[in-house]
Amino acid sequence: MRAGLAQRARIVLLAAEGVSNTAIADKVGVSRQTVIGWRGRYGRSGLSGLHDAARSGRPRSIDHARIVAETLKPPPKTLGVTRWSSRLLAARLKVGNATVARAWRDYGIQPWRVETFKFSTDPELVAKVTDVVGLYLAPPDNAVVLCVDEKSQIQALDRTQKTLPMQPGRAERRTADYVRHGTSTLFAALEIATGTVTATCKPRHRHQEFLAFLEQVARAYPADVDEHGTPVELHLVMDNYAAHKRVEVRQWLADNPRIHVHFTPTSGSWLNLVEVWFGIIERQAIHRGTFGSVKDLNAKIRTFINGWNDRAHPFVWTKTADEILKKANRPQTSETAH
């Protein structure tokens, strides 16, 4: 409606400038008769004449607010469904399903959609978010920041028939069924300043494998010193997985004081930038891959990582801790003081 008012106002303004009806019609993109009609309405009623007149016909008898209110209630248990469909609700309200669909569209109701969420219950939420985000936005001098995590249970899936390659006008095709050949766990450390990844694949996902990976990371980033003789520190961002906090791991960290650990909040592993990289390798190398064995899967993961490190780029964090905490805090459902 606003666009229509703007168009009508433009017609009137051009007419006031002495532009002909034909020229106005060309400029505005309407017919000459439409220009004449709106000029006439403006001449008779002024600005109020540019608004739509009341519609003819019987006024709406269906209450859209009632349809929405019923939609927001859970369906009766006797129906055995988890949400309303337009036809089920229409039958209950004795209206047409197109009427229900129109009300949903007008009010932005989409019962078929669902989104996920999880509020962090970590009592140290603020401190951990501030610590990790501060590390991303302003890393310490003479330090390397690494995001560490595991992508477990990667399945070596093989299709039962050969995949048909993509052709002009036809997508790649593969069988819906597959054969499982086992699983692998990918341990990875992402250096945020360069985007390079140190990684290894292990058959299991225990503290023993994690400790061996930490030793691999330490070897990849030896205890160098800068021009002032100060050792280069390693700052590791990781989640609260039990294997990361085993006594053996804590003892190893105590024996390697140049390595500092920063834990993400509980239910806040999304704060770990290596999760972004896991999404990349999943989409580009694993999801559509076919693997005849776990050995084949591991080899293709290694090939991807080698190629990635050749084209790696920095991972840049942009949100401040305050912006994150504003969205992460549990919303209030009542302003009532108790």
C-alpha atoms as a PDB file:
ATOM      1  CA  MET A   1       0.000   0.000   0.000  1.00  0.00           C
ATOM      2  CA  ARG A   2       2.840   2.399   0.777  1.00  0.00           C
ATOM      3  CA  ALA A   3       4.313   1.811  -2.654  1.00  0.00           C
ATOM      4  CA  GLY A   4       0.938   2.653  -4.190  1.00  0.00           C
ATOM      5  CA  LEU A   5       0.698   5.898  -2.232  1.00  0.00           C
ATOM      6  CA  ALA A   6       4.214   6.849  -3.324  1.00  0.00           C
ATOM      7  CA  GLN A   7       3.276   6.218  -6.948  1.00  0.00           C
ATOM      8  CA  ARG A   8       0.123   8.340  -6.674  1.00  0.00           C
ATOM      9  CA  ALA A   9       2.018  11.154  -4.950  1.00  0.00           C
ATOM     10  CA  ARG A  10       4.574  11.108  -7.761  1.00  0.00           C
ATOM     11  CA  ILE A  11       1.754  11.449 -10.310  1.00  0.00           C
ATOM     12  CA  VAL A  12       0.410  14.507  -8.489  1.00  0.00           C
ATOM     13  CA  LEU A  13       3.853  16.105  -8.120  1.00  0.00           C
ATOM     14  CA  LEU A  14       4.655  15.643 -11.805  1.00  0.00           C
ATOM     15  CA  ALA A  15       1.276  17.112 -12.714  1.00  0.00           C
ATOM     16  CA  ALA A  16       2.029  20.132 -10.513  1.00  0.00           C
ATOM     17  CA  GLU A  17       5.225  20.631 -12.513  1.00  0.00           C
ATOM     18  CA  GLY A  18       3.168  20.861 -15.693  1.00  0.00           C
ATOM     19  CA  VAL A  19       4.134  17.444 -17.119  1.00  0.00           C
ATOM     20  CA  SER A  20       1.580  16.047 -19.561  1.00  0.00           C
ATOM     21  CA  ASN A  21      -0.542  13.024 -18.698  1.00  0.00           C
ATOM     22  CA  THR A  22       1.174  10.909 -21.353  1.00  0.00           C
ATOM     23  CA  ALA A  23       4.637  11.816 -20.100  1.00  0.00           C
ATOM     24  CA  ILE A  24       3.603  11.127 -16.492  1.00  0.00           C
ATOM     25  CA  ALA A  25       2.275   7.701 -17.508  1.00  0.00           C
ATOM     26  CA  ASP A  26       5.616   6.877 -19.176  1.00  0.00           C
ATOM     27  CA  LYS A  27       7.672   8.059 -16.194  1.00  0.00           C
ATOM     28  CA  VAL A  28       5.608   6.331 -13.507  1.00  0.00           C
ATOM     29  CA  GLY A  29       4.873   3.155 -15.492  1.00  0.00           C
ATOM     30  CA  VAL A  30       1.064   3.289 -15.507  1.00  0.00           C
ATOM     31  CA  SER A  31      -1.587   3.936 -18.105  1.00  0.00           C
ATOM     32  CA  ARG A  32      -2.650   7.438 -19.146  1.00  0.00           C
ATOM     33  CA  GLN A  33      -6.171   6.726 -17.862  1.00  0.00           C
ATOM     34  CA  THR A  34      -4.745   5.871 -14.419  1.00  0.00           C
ATOM     35  CA  VAL A  35      -2.955   9.237 -14.337  1.00  0.00           C
ATOM     36  CA  ILE A  36      -6.170  11.044 -15.251  1.00  0.00           C
ATOM     37  CA  GLY A  37      -8.098   9.138 -12.574  1.00  0.00           C
ATOM     38  CA  TRP A  38      -5.699   9.939  -9.716  1.00  0.00           C
ATOM     39  CA  ARG A  39      -5.381  13.575 -10.785  1.00  0.00           C
ATOM     40  CA  GLY A  40      -9.137  13.795 -10.670  1.00  0.00           C
ATOM     41  CA  ARG A  41      -9.327  12.203  -7.204  1.00  0.00           C
ATOM     42  CA  TYR A  42      -6.684  14.622  -5.922  1.00  0.00           C
ATOM     43  CA  GLY A  43      -8.517  17.583  -7.427  1.00  0.00           C
ATOM     44  CA  ARG A  44     -11.771  16.566  -5.682  1.00  0.00           C
ATOM     45  CA  SER A  45     -10.493  15.372  -2.281  1.00  0.00           C
ATOM     46  CA  GLY A  46      -6.901  16.524  -1.874  1.00  0.00           C
ATOM     47  CA  LEU A  47      -4.384  14.193  -0.188  1.00  0.00           C
ATOM     48  CA  SER A  48      -7.129  12.012   1.296  1.00  0.00           C
ATOM     49  CA  GLY A  49      -8.228  11.176  -2.237  1.00  0.00           C
ATOM     50  CA  LEU A  50      -4.966   9.309  -2.826  1.00  0.00           C
ATOM     51  CA  HIS A  51      -5.874   6.650  -0.248  1.00  0.00           C
ATOM     52  CA  ASP A  52      -7.753   3.496  -1.217  1.00  0.00           C
ATOM     53  CA  ALA A  53     -11.503   3.686  -0.908  1.00  0.00           C
ATOM     54  CA  ALA A  54     -13.389   1.163   1.191  1.00  0.00           C
ATOM     55  CA  ARG A  55     -13.659  -2.196  -0.531  1.00  0.00           C
ATOM     56  CA  SER A  56     -17.028  -3.292  -1.808  1.00  0.00           C
ATOM     57  CA  GLY A  57     -18.619  -6.538  -0.824  1.00  0.00           C
ATOM     58  CA  ARG A  58     -19.354  -8.244   2.489  1.00  0.00           C
ATOM     59  CA  PRO A  59     -16.814  -7.544   5.258  1.00  0.00           C
ATOM     60  CA  ARG A  60     -14.622 -10.412   6.397  1.00  0.00           C
ATOM     61  CA  SER A  61     -16.492 -12.702   8.786  1.00  0.00           C
ATOM     62  CA  ILE A  62     -13.575 -15.008   9.562  1.00  0.00           C
ATOM     63  CA  ASP A  63     -11.524 -13.859  12.543  1.00  0.00           C
ATOM     64  CA  HIS A  64      -7.870 -14.370  11.634  1.00  0.00           C
ATOM     65  CA  ALA A  65      -6.853 -13.681  15.236  1.00  0.00           C
ATOM     66  CA  ARG A  66      -8.927 -16.689  16.342  1.00  0.00           C
ATOM     67  CA  ILE A  67      -7.247 -18.891  13.727  1.00  0.00           C
ATOM     68  CA  VAL A  68      -3.822 -17.810  14.974  1.00  0.00           C
ATOM     69  CA  ALA A  69      -4.833 -18.315  18.613  1.00  0.00           C
ATOM     70  CA  GLU A  70      -5.974 -21.869  17.875  1.00  0.00           C
ATOM     71  CA  THR A  71      -2.799 -22.551  15.897  1.00  0.00           C
ATOM     72  CA  LEU A  72      -0.641 -21.599  18.875  1.00  0.00           C
ATOM     73  CA  LYS A  73      -2.420 -24.143  21.076  1.00  0.00           C
ATOM     74  CA  PRO A  74      -1.254 -27.787  20.906  1.00  0.00           C
ATOM     75  CA  PRO A  75      -3.598 -30.069  18.944  1.00  0.00           C
ATOM     76  CA  PRO A  76      -5.876 -32.366  20.982  1.00  0.00           C
ATOM     77  CA  LYS A  77      -4.156 -35.587  22.050  1.00  0.00           C
ATOM     78  CA  THR A  78      -6.864 -37.580  20.321  1.00  0.00           C
ATOM     79  CA  LEU A  79      -5.519 -36.432  16.940  1.00  0.00           C
ATOM     80  CA  GLY A  80      -2.114 -37.965  17.646  1.00  0.00           C
ATOM     81  CA  VAL A  81      -0.249 -35.179  15.829  1.00  0.00           C
ATOM     82  CA  THR A  82       2.493 -32.841  17.043  1.00  0.00           C
ATOM     83  CA  ARG A  83       1.350 -29.740  15.140  1.00  0.00           C
ATOM     84  CA  TRP A  84      -1.562 -28.366  13.210  1.00  0.00           C
ATOM     85  CA  SER A  85      -1.834 -28.673   9.465  1.00  0.00           C
ATOM     86  CA  SER A  86      -4.035 -26.218   7.578  1.00  0.00           C
ATOM     87  CA  ARG A  87      -6.561 -28.947   6.773  1.00  0.00           C
ATOM     88  CA  LEU A  88      -6.760 -30.304  10.322  1.00  0.00           C
ATOM     89  CA  LEU A  89      -7.293 -26.845  11.768  1.00  0.00           C
ATOM     90  CA  ALA A  90      -9.764 -25.919   9.028  1.00  0.00           C
ATOM     91  CA  ALA A  91     -11.854 -28.990   9.846  1.00  0.00           C
ATOM     92  CA  ARG A  92     -11.815 -28.086  13.547  1.00  0.00           C
ATOM     93  CA  LEU A  93     -12.828 -24.449  12.930  1.00  0.00           C
ATOM     94  CA  LYS A  94     -15.194 -25.322  10.067  1.00  0.00           C
ATOM     95  CA  VAL A  95     -13.530 -23.001   7.569  1.00  0.00           C
ATOM     96  CA  GLY A  96     -11.625 -23.596   4.342  1.00  0.00           C
ATOM     97  CA  ASN A  97      -7.988 -24.641   4.554  1.00  0.00           C
ATOM     98  CA  ALA A  98      -7.127 -21.760   2.196  1.00  0.00           C
ATOM     99  CA  THR A  99      -8.533 -19.385   4.832  1.00  0.00           C
ATOM    100  CA  VAL A 100      -6.259 -20.926   7.473  1.00  0.00           C
ATOM    101  CA  ALA A 101      -3.268 -20.701   5.144  1.00  0.00           C
ATOM    102  CA  ARG A 102      -4.073 -17.044   4.419  1.00  0.00           C
ATOM    103  CA  ALA A 103      -4.241 -16.214   8.138  1.00  0.00           C
ATOM    104  CA  TRP A 104      -0.921 -17.985   8.749  1.00  0.00           C
ATOM    105  CA  ARG A 105       0.652 -16.035   5.900  1.00  0.00           C
ATOM    106  CA  ASP A 106      -0.695 -12.705   7.172  1.00  0.00           C
ATOM    107  CA  TYR A 107       0.611 -13.296  10.686  1.00  0.00           C
ATOM    108  CA  GLY A 108       3.864 -15.035   9.759  1.00  0.00           C
ATOM    109  CA  ILE A 109       2.834 -18.355  11.350  1.00  0.00           C
ATOM    110  CA  GLN A 110       4.685 -21.443  10.027  1.00  0.00           C
ATOM    111  CA  PRO A 111       3.781 -24.532  12.107  1.00  0.00           C
ATOM    112  CA  TRP A 112       5.814 -26.840   9.844  1.00  0.00           C
ATOM    113  CA  ARG A 113       9.087 -25.095  10.756  1.00  0.00           C
ATOM    114  CA  VAL A 114      11.171 -25.791  13.844  1.00  0.00           C
ATOM    115  CA  GLU A 115      14.439 -24.294  15.036  1.00  0.00           C
ATOM    116  CA  THR A 116      16.843 -25.461  17.716  1.00  0.00           C
ATOM    117  CA  PHE A 117      18.321 -23.617  20.673  1.00  0.00           C
ATOM    118  CA  LYS A 118      20.151 -24.350  23.897  1.00  0.00           C
ATOM    119  CA  PHE A 119      20.902 -21.873  26.636  1.00  0.00           C
ATOM    120  CA  SER A 120      24.224 -22.328  28.369  1.00  0.00           C
ATOM    121  CA  THR A 121      23.878 -23.093  32.074  1.00  0.00           C
ATOM    122  CA  ASP A 122      27.577 -22.590  32.711  1.00  0.00           C
ATOM    123  CA  PRO A 123      27.981 -20.418  35.854  1.00  0.00           C
ATOM    124  CA  GLU A 124      31.175 -19.040  34.287  1.00  0.00           C
ATOM    125  CA  LEU A 125      29.489 -18.139  30.998  1.00  0.00           C
ATOM    126  CA  VAL A 126      30.434 -14.454  31.063  1.00  0.00           C
ATOM    127  CA  ALA A 127      34.038 -15.102  32.083  1.00  0.00           C
ATOM    128  CA  LYS A 128      34.596 -17.823  29.457  1.00  0.00           C
ATOM    129  CA  VAL A 129      32.994 -15.883  26.602  1.00  0.00           C
ATOM    130  CA  THR A 130      34.999 -12.794  27.512  1.00  0.00           C
ATOM    131  CA  ASP A 131      38.195 -14.833  27.731  1.00  0.00           C
ATOM    132  CA  VAL A 132      37.808 -16.667  24.405  1.00  0.00           C
ATOM    133  CA  VAL A 133      36.502 -13.692  22.429  1.00  0.00           C
ATOM    134  CA  GLY A 134      39.234 -11.497  23.876  1.00  0.00           C
ATOM    135  CA  LEU A 135      41.752 -14.070  22.677  1.00  0.00           C
ATOM    136  CA  TYR A 136      40.280 -13.880  19.169  1.00  0.00           C
ATOM    137  CA  LEU A 137      40.022 -10.110  18.949  1.00  0.00           C
ATOM    138  CA  ALA A 138      43.269  -9.216  20.737  1.00  0.00           C
ATOM    139  CA  PRO A 139      45.627 -12.208  20.915  1.00  0.00           C
ATOM    140  CA  PRO A 140      48.652 -11.864  23.213  1.00  0.00           C
ATOM    141  CA  ASP A 141      51.952 -10.762  21.742  1.00  0.00           C
ATOM    142  CA  ASN A 142      54.401 -13.523  20.899  1.00  0.00           C
ATOM    143  CA  ALA A 143      51.680 -16.190  21.013  1.00  0.00           C
ATOM    144  CA  VAL A 144      49.913 -18.609  18.682  1.00  0.00           C
ATOM    145  CA  VAL A 145      46.151 -19.141  19.143  1.00  0.00           C
ATOM    146  CA  LEU A 146      44.885 -22.601  18.168  1.00  0.00           C
ATOM    147  CA  CYS A 147      41.286 -23.852  18.184  1.00  0.00           C
ATOM    148  CA  VAL A 148      41.297 -27.555  19.068  1.00  0.00           C
ATOM    149  CA  ASP A 149      38.523 -30.152  18.829  1.00  0.00           C
ATOM    150  CA  GLU A 150      37.563 -33.561  17.478  1.00  0.00           C
ATOM    151  CA  LYS A 151      35.116 -34.553  14.760  1.00  0.00           C
ATOM    152  CA  SER A 152      34.146 -38.023  15.886  1.00  0.00           C
ATOM    153  CA  GLN A 153      32.243 -40.890  14.277  1.00  0.00           C
ATOM    154  CA  ILE A 154      33.060 -39.941  10.673  1.00  0.00           C
ATOM    155  CA  GLN A 155      31.607 -42.840   8.714  1.00  0.00           C
ATOM    156  CA  ALA A 156      33.406 -44.475   5.813  1.00  0.00           C
ATOM    157  CA  LEU A 157      30.359 -44.913   3.566  1.00  0.00           C
ATOM    158  CA  ASP A 158      30.476 -46.562   0.164  1.00  0.00           C
ATOM    159  CA  ARG A 159      27.597 -46.650  -2.318  1.00  0.00           C
ATOM    160  CA  THR A 160      26.286 -49.983  -3.502  1.00  0.00           C
ATOM    161  CA  GLN A 161      26.702 -48.944  -7.149  1.00  0.00           C
ATOM    162  CA  LYS A 162      29.049 -46.627  -8.986  1.00  0.00           C
ATOM    163  CA  THR A 163      28.187 -42.915  -8.775  1.00  0.00           C
ATOM    164  CA  LEU A 164      27.021 -41.399 -12.057  1.00  0.00           C
ATOM    165  CA  PRO A 165      28.868 -38.130 -12.730  1.00  0.00           C
ATOM    166  CA  MET A 166      27.228 -34.764 -13.290  1.00  0.00           C
ATOM    167  CA  GLN A 167      26.340 -33.919 -16.898  1.00  0.00           C
ATOM    168  CA  PRO A 168      24.878 -30.835 -18.583  1.00  0.00           C
ATOM    169  CA  GLY A 169      21.265 -30.620 -17.440  1.00  0.00           C
ATOM    170  CA  ARG A 170      21.634 -33.522 -15.005  1.00  0.00           C
ATOM    171  CA  ALA A 171      22.915 -33.585 -11.421  1.00  0.00           C
ATOM    172  CA  GLU A 172      25.327 -36.157 -10.064  1.00  0.00           C
ATOM    173  CA  ARG A 173      23.434 -39.315  -9.103  1.00  0.00           C
ATOM    174  CA  ARG A 174      24.179 -41.962  -6.532  1.00  0.00           C
ATOM    175  CA  THR A 175      22.308 -44.813  -4.911  1.00  0.00           C
ATOM    176  CA  ALA A 176      20.269 -44.124  -1.799  1.00  0.00           C
ATOM    177  CA  ASP A 177      21.653 -47.182  -0.020  1.00  0.00           C
ATOM    178  CA  TYR A 178      25.223 -47.567   1.174  1.00  0.00           C
ATOM    179  CA  VAL A 179      27.669 -49.878   2.926  1.00  0.00           C
ATOM    180  CA  ARG A 180      29.360 -48.894   6.198  1.00  0.00           C
ATOM    181  CA  HIS A 181      33.071 -49.655   6.499  1.00  0.00           C
ATOM    182  CA  GLY A 182      33.727 -48.271   9.980  1.00  0.00           C
ATOM    183  CA  THR A 183      34.395 -44.875  11.519  1.00  0.00           C
ATOM    184  CA  SER A 184      37.269 -42.520  12.193  1.00  0.00           C
ATOM    185  CA  THR A 185      37.862 -39.535  14.478  1.00  0.00           C
ATOM    186  CA  LEU A 186      39.521 -36.395  13.158  1.00  0.00           C
ATOM    187  CA  PHE A 187      41.558 -34.370  15.672  1.00  0.00           C
ATOM    188  CA  ALA A 188      42.317 -30.843  14.438  1.00  0.00           C
ATOM    189  CA  ALA A 189      43.994 -27.641  15.628  1.00  0.00           C
ATOM    190  CA  LEU A 190      43.176 -24.506  13.613  1.00  0.00           C
ATOM    191  CA  GLU A 191      45.616 -21.589  13.792  1.00  0.00           C
ATOM    192  CA  ILE A 192      43.308 -18.586  13.521  1.00  0.00           C
ATOM    193  CA  ALA A 193      46.020 -16.146  12.364  1.00  0.00           C
ATOM    194  CA  THR A 194      46.769 -18.183   9.218  1.00  0.00           C
ATOM    195  CA  GLY A 195      43.954 -20.728   8.908  1.00  0.00           C
ATOM    196  CA  THR A 196      46.419 -23.626   8.695  1.00  0.00           C
ATOM    197  CA  VAL A 197      45.373 -26.889  10.304  1.00  0.00           C
ATOM    198  CA  THR A 198      47.370 -29.492  12.209  1.00  0.00           C
ATOM    199  CA  ALA A 199      45.393 -32.722  12.232  1.00  0.00           C
ATOM    200  CA  THR A 200      45.417 -36.481  12.597  1.00  0.00           C
ATOM    201  CA  CYS A 201      42.903 -39.307  12.315  1.00  0.00           C
ATOM    202  CA  LYS A 202      42.524 -41.851  15.118  1.00  0.00           C
ATOM    203  CA  PRO A 203      40.385 -44.966  15.382  1.00  0.00           C
ATOM    204  CA  ARG A 204      39.059 -44.036  18.828  1.00  0.00           C
ATOM    205  CA  HIS A 205      38.022 -40.952  20.757  1.00  0.00           C
ATOM    206  CA  ARG A 206      39.606 -41.200  24.213  1.00  0.00           C
ATOM    207  CA  HIS A 207      41.927 -39.139  26.369  1.00  0.00           C
ATOM    208  CA  GLN A 208      44.853 -41.287  25.177  1.00  0.00           C
ATOM    209  CA  GLU A 209      44.287 -40.224  21.578  1.00  0.00           C
ATOM    210  CA  PHE A 210      43.729 -36.618  22.612  1.00  0.00           C
ATOM    211  CA  LEU A 211      46.964 -36.572  24.615  1.00  0.00           C
ATOM    212  CA  ALA A 212      48.887 -37.986  21.655  1.00  0.00           C
ATOM    213  CA  PHE A 213      47.398 -35.235  19.487  1.00  0.00           C
ATOM    214  CA  LEU A 214      48.447 -32.533  21.956  1.00  0.00           C
ATOM    215  CA  GLU A 215      52.002 -33.858  21.722  1.00  0.00           C
ATOM    216  CA  GLN A 216      51.736 -33.661  17.917  1.00  0.00           C
ATOM    217  CA  VAL A 217      50.597 -30.028  18.173  1.00  0.00           C
ATOM    218  CA  ALA A 218      53.473 -29.203  20.510  1.00  0.00           C
ATOM    219  CA  ARG A 219      55.925 -30.690  17.995  1.00  0.00           C
ATOM    220  CA  ALA A 220      54.306 -28.717  15.169  1.00  0.00           C
ATOM    221  CA  TYR A 221      54.834 -25.526  17.181  1.00  0.00           C
ATOM    222  CA  PRO A 222      58.203 -26.038  18.901  1.00  0.00           C
ATOM    223  CA  ALA A 223      59.330 -23.953  21.860  1.00  0.00           C
ATOM    224  CA  ASP A 224      60.839 -21.179  19.763  1.00  0.00           C
ATOM    225  CA  VAL A 225      61.905 -17.865  21.262  1.00  0.00           C
ATOM    226  CA  ASP A 226      61.546 -14.387  19.836  1.00  0.00           C
ATOM    227  CA  GLU A 227      64.296 -11.815  19.342  1.00  0.00           C
ATOM    228  CA  HIS A 228      64.076 -10.977  23.058  1.00  0.00           C
ATOM    229  CA  GLY A 229      64.521 -14.582  24.128  1.00  0.00           C
ATOM    230  CA  THR A 230      60.878 -14.948  25.230  1.00  0.00           C
ATOM    231  CA  PRO A 231      59.333 -18.392  24.518  1.00  0.00           C
ATOM    232  CA  VAL A 232      56.427 -18.435  22.072  1.00  0.00           C
ATOM    233  CA  GLU A 233      53.256 -19.402  23.940  1.00  0.00           C
ATOM    234  CA  LEU A 234      50.490 -21.648  22.633  1.00  0.00           C
ATOM    235  CA  HIS A 235      46.912 -20.747  23.584  1.00  0.00           C
ATOM    236  CA  LEU A 236      44.462 -23.589  22.975  1.00  0.00           C
ATOM    237  CA  VAL A 237      40.703 -23.016  22.758  1.00  0.00           C
ATOM    238  CA  MET A 238      38.762 -26.216  23.459  1.00  0.00           C
ATOM    239  CA  ASP A 239      35.423 -27.395  24.824  1.00  0.00           C
ATOM    240  CA  ASN A 240      34.545 -29.173  28.055  1.00  0.00           C
ATOM    241  CA  TYR A 241      34.623 -32.733  26.719  1.00  0.00           C
ATOM    242  CA  ALA A 242      35.621 -35.119  29.516  1.00  0.00           C
ATOM    243  CA  ALA A 243      38.730 -36.331  27.679  1.00  0.00           C
ATOM    244  CA  HIS A 244      40.069 -32.761  27.697  1.00  0.00           C
ATOM    245  CA  LYS A 245      40.030 -32.632  31.497  1.00  0.00           C
ATOM    246  CA  ARG A 246      41.440 -36.024  32.449  1.00  0.00           C
ATOM    247  CA  VAL A 247      44.141 -36.012  35.080  1.00  0.00           C
ATOM    248  CA  GLU A 248      46.670 -37.250  32.526  1.00  0.00           C
ATOM    249  CA  VAL A 249      45.905 -34.276  30.281  1.00  0.00           C
ATOM    250  CA  ARG A 250      46.082 -31.835  33.189  1.00  0.00           C
ATOM    251  CA  GLN A 251      49.443 -33.267  34.205  1.00  0.00           C
ATOM    252  CA  TRP A 252      50.786 -32.958  30.654  1.00  0.00           C
ATOM    253  CA  LEU A 253      49.686 -29.321  30.530  1.00  0.00           C
ATOM    254  CA  ALA A 254      51.374 -28.681  33.878  1.00  0.00           C
ATOM    255  CA  ASP A 255      54.586 -30.146  32.435  1.00  0.00           C
ATOM    256  CA  ASN A 256      54.296 -27.804  29.427  1.00  0.00           C
ATOM    257  CA  PRO A 257      53.782 -24.342  30.967  1.00  0.00           C
ATOM    258  CA  ARG A 258      54.069 -22.535  27.622  1.00  0.00           C
ATOM    259  CA  ILE A 259      50.728 -24.072  26.627  1.00  0.00           C
ATOM    260  CA  HIS A 260      47.620 -22.333  28.009  1.00  0.00           C
ATOM    261  CA  VAL A 261      44.077 -23.710  27.762  1.00  0.00           C
ATOM    262  CA  HIS A 262      40.923 -21.604  27.350  1.00  0.00           C
ATOM    263  CA  PHE A 263      37.648 -23.528  27.736  1.00  0.00           C
ATOM    264  CA  THR A 264      34.467 -22.568  25.895  1.00  0.00           C
ATOM    265  CA  PRO A 265      31.282 -22.465  28.019  1.00  0.00           C
ATOM    266  CA  THR A 266      29.145 -25.541  28.495  1.00  0.00           C
ATOM    267  CA  SER A 267      26.867 -25.892  25.430  1.00  0.00           C
ATOM    268  CA  GLY A 268      28.999 -23.238  23.756  1.00  0.00           C
ATOM    269  CA  SER A 269      31.263 -25.206  21.446  1.00  0.00           C
ATOM    270  CA  TRP A 270      30.033 -22.928  18.604  1.00  0.00           C
ATOM    271  CA  LEU A 271      32.485 -20.424  20.080  1.00  0.00           C
ATOM    272  CA  ASN A 272      35.327 -22.632  18.869  1.00  0.00           C
ATOM    273  CA  LEU A 273      36.392 -21.539  15.371  1.00  0.00           C
ATOM    274  CA  VAL A 274      37.570 -25.019  14.414  1.00  0.00           C
ATOM    275  CA  GLU A 275      33.862 -25.944  14.257  1.00  0.00           C
ATOM    276  CA  VAL A 276      33.632 -23.648  11.218  1.00  0.00           C
ATOM    277  CA  TRP A 277      36.463 -25.561   9.588  1.00  0.00           C
ATOM    278  CA  PHE A 278      34.804 -28.889  10.432  1.00  0.00           C
ATOM    279  CA  GLY A 279      31.765 -27.647   8.522  1.00  0.00           C
ATOM    280  CA  ILE A 280      33.966 -26.848   5.530  1.00  0.00           C
ATOM    281  CA  ILE A 281      35.620 -30.273   5.392  1.00  0.00           C
ATOM    282  CA  GLU A 282      32.249 -31.960   5.884  1.00  0.00           C
ATOM    283  CA  ARG A 283      30.696 -30.145   2.915  1.00  0.00           C
ATOM    284  CA  GLN A 284      33.683 -30.245   0.589  1.00  0.00           C
ATOM    285  CA  ALA A 285      35.289 -33.629   1.262  1.00  0.00           C
ATOM    286  CA  ILE A 286      33.185 -35.982   3.383  1.00  0.00           C
ATOM    287  CA  HIS A 287      29.455 -35.582   2.737  1.00  0.00           C
ATOM    288  CA  ARG A 288      29.524 -36.535  -0.941  1.00  0.00           C
ATOM    289  CA  GLY A 289      32.569 -38.764  -0.738  1.00  0.00           C
ATOM    290  CA  THR A 290      32.586 -42.528  -1.213  1.00  0.00           C
ATOM    291  CA  PHE A 291      35.041 -44.536   0.870  1.00  0.00           C
ATOM    292  CA  GLY A 292      35.821 -48.215   0.454  1.00  0.00           C
ATOM    293  CA  SER A 293      37.497 -48.434   3.872  1.00  0.00           C
ATOM    294  CA  VAL A 294      38.504 -46.373   6.891  1.00  0.00           C
ATOM    295  CA  LYS A 295      42.027 -46.251   5.427  1.00  0.00           C
ATOM    296  CA  ASP A 296      40.573 -44.727   2.258  1.00  0.00           C
ATOM    297  CA  LEU A 297      38.568 -42.213   4.329  1.00  0.00           C
ATOM    298  CA  ASN A 298      41.639 -41.155   6.316  1.00  0.00           C
ATOM    299  CA  ALA A 299      43.727 -40.795   3.150  1.00  0.00           C
ATOM    300  CA  LYS A 300      41.142 -38.520   1.525  1.00  0.00           C
ATOM    301  CA  ILE A 301      40.862 -36.422   4.686  1.00  0.00           C
ATOM    302  CA  ARG A 302      44.641 -36.013   4.692  1.00  0.00           C
ATOM    303  CA  THR A 303      44.591 -35.020   1.005  1.00  0.00           C
ATOM    304  CA  PHE A 304      41.975 -32.352   1.750  1.00  0.00           C
ATOM    305  CA  ILE A 305      43.992 -30.992   4.688  1.00  0.00           C
ATOM    306  CA  ASN A 306      47.163 -30.755   2.590  1.00  0.00           C
ATOM    307  CA  GLY A 307      45.258 -28.883  -0.107  1.00  0.00           C
ATOM    308  CA  TRP A 308      43.583 -26.688   2.473  1.00  0.00           C
ATOM    309  CA  ASN A 309      46.885 -25.649   4.046  1.00  0.00           C
ATOM    310  CA  ASP A 310      48.133 -24.578   0.604  1.00  0.00           C
ATOM    311  CA  ARG A 311      45.191 -22.175   0.232  1.00  0.00           C
ATOM    312  CA  ALA A 312      44.491 -21.407   3.911  1.00  0.00           C
ATOM    313  CA  HIS A 313      43.286 -17.984   5.019  1.00  0.00           C
ATOM    314  CA  PRO A 314      42.915 -16.330   8.434  1.00  0.00           C
ATOM    315  CA  PHE A 315      39.730 -16.922  10.408  1.00  0.00           C
ATOM    316  CA  VAL A 316      38.520 -13.515  11.600  1.00  0.00           C
ATOM    317  CA  TRP A 317      36.162 -13.186  14.579  1.00  0.00           C
ATOM    318  CA  THR A 318      33.979 -10.055  14.482  1.00  0.00           C
ATOM    319  CA  LYS A 319      31.466 -10.218  17.371  1.00  0.00           C
ATOM    320  CA  THR A 320      32.405  -8.687  20.707  1.00  0.00           C
ATOM    321  CA  ALA A 321      31.776 -10.467  23.994  1.00  0.00           C
ATOM    322  CA  ASP A 322      29.002  -7.999  24.876  1.00  0.00           C
ATOM    323  CA  GLU A 323      27.186  -8.648  21.593  1.00  0.00           C
ATOM    324  CA  ILE A 324      27.378 -12.409  22.139  1.00  0.00           C
ATOM    325  CA  LEU A 325      26.257 -12.282  25.765  1.00  0.00           C
ATOM    326  CA  LYS A 326      23.303 -10.080  24.838  1.00  0.00           C
ATOM    327  CA  LYS A 327      21.986 -12.887  22.612  1.00  0.00           C
ATOM    328  CA  ALA A 328      23.211 -15.813  24.724  1.00  0.00           C
ATOM    329  CA  ASN A 329      21.533 -14.749  27.977  1.00  0.00           C
ATOM    330  CA  ARG A 330      18.247 -16.472  28.689  1.00  0.00           C
ATOM    331  CA  PRO A 331      15.369 -14.137  27.727  1.00  0.00           C
ATOM    332  CA  GLN A 332      13.059 -12.946  30.516  1.00  0.00           C
ATOM    333  CA  THR A 333       9.460 -14.160  30.293  1.00  0.00           C
ATOM    334  CA  SER A 334       8.160 -11.799  32.956  1.00  0.00           C
ATOM    335  CA  GLU A 335       9.048  -8.422  34.363  1.00  0.00           C
ATOM    336  CA  THR A 336       7.385  -9.266  37.683  1.00  0.00           C
ATOM    337  CA  ALA A 337       9.710  -8.759  40.637  1.00  0.00           C
ATOM    338  CA  HIS A 338       9.743 -11.474  43.311  1.00  0.00           C
END
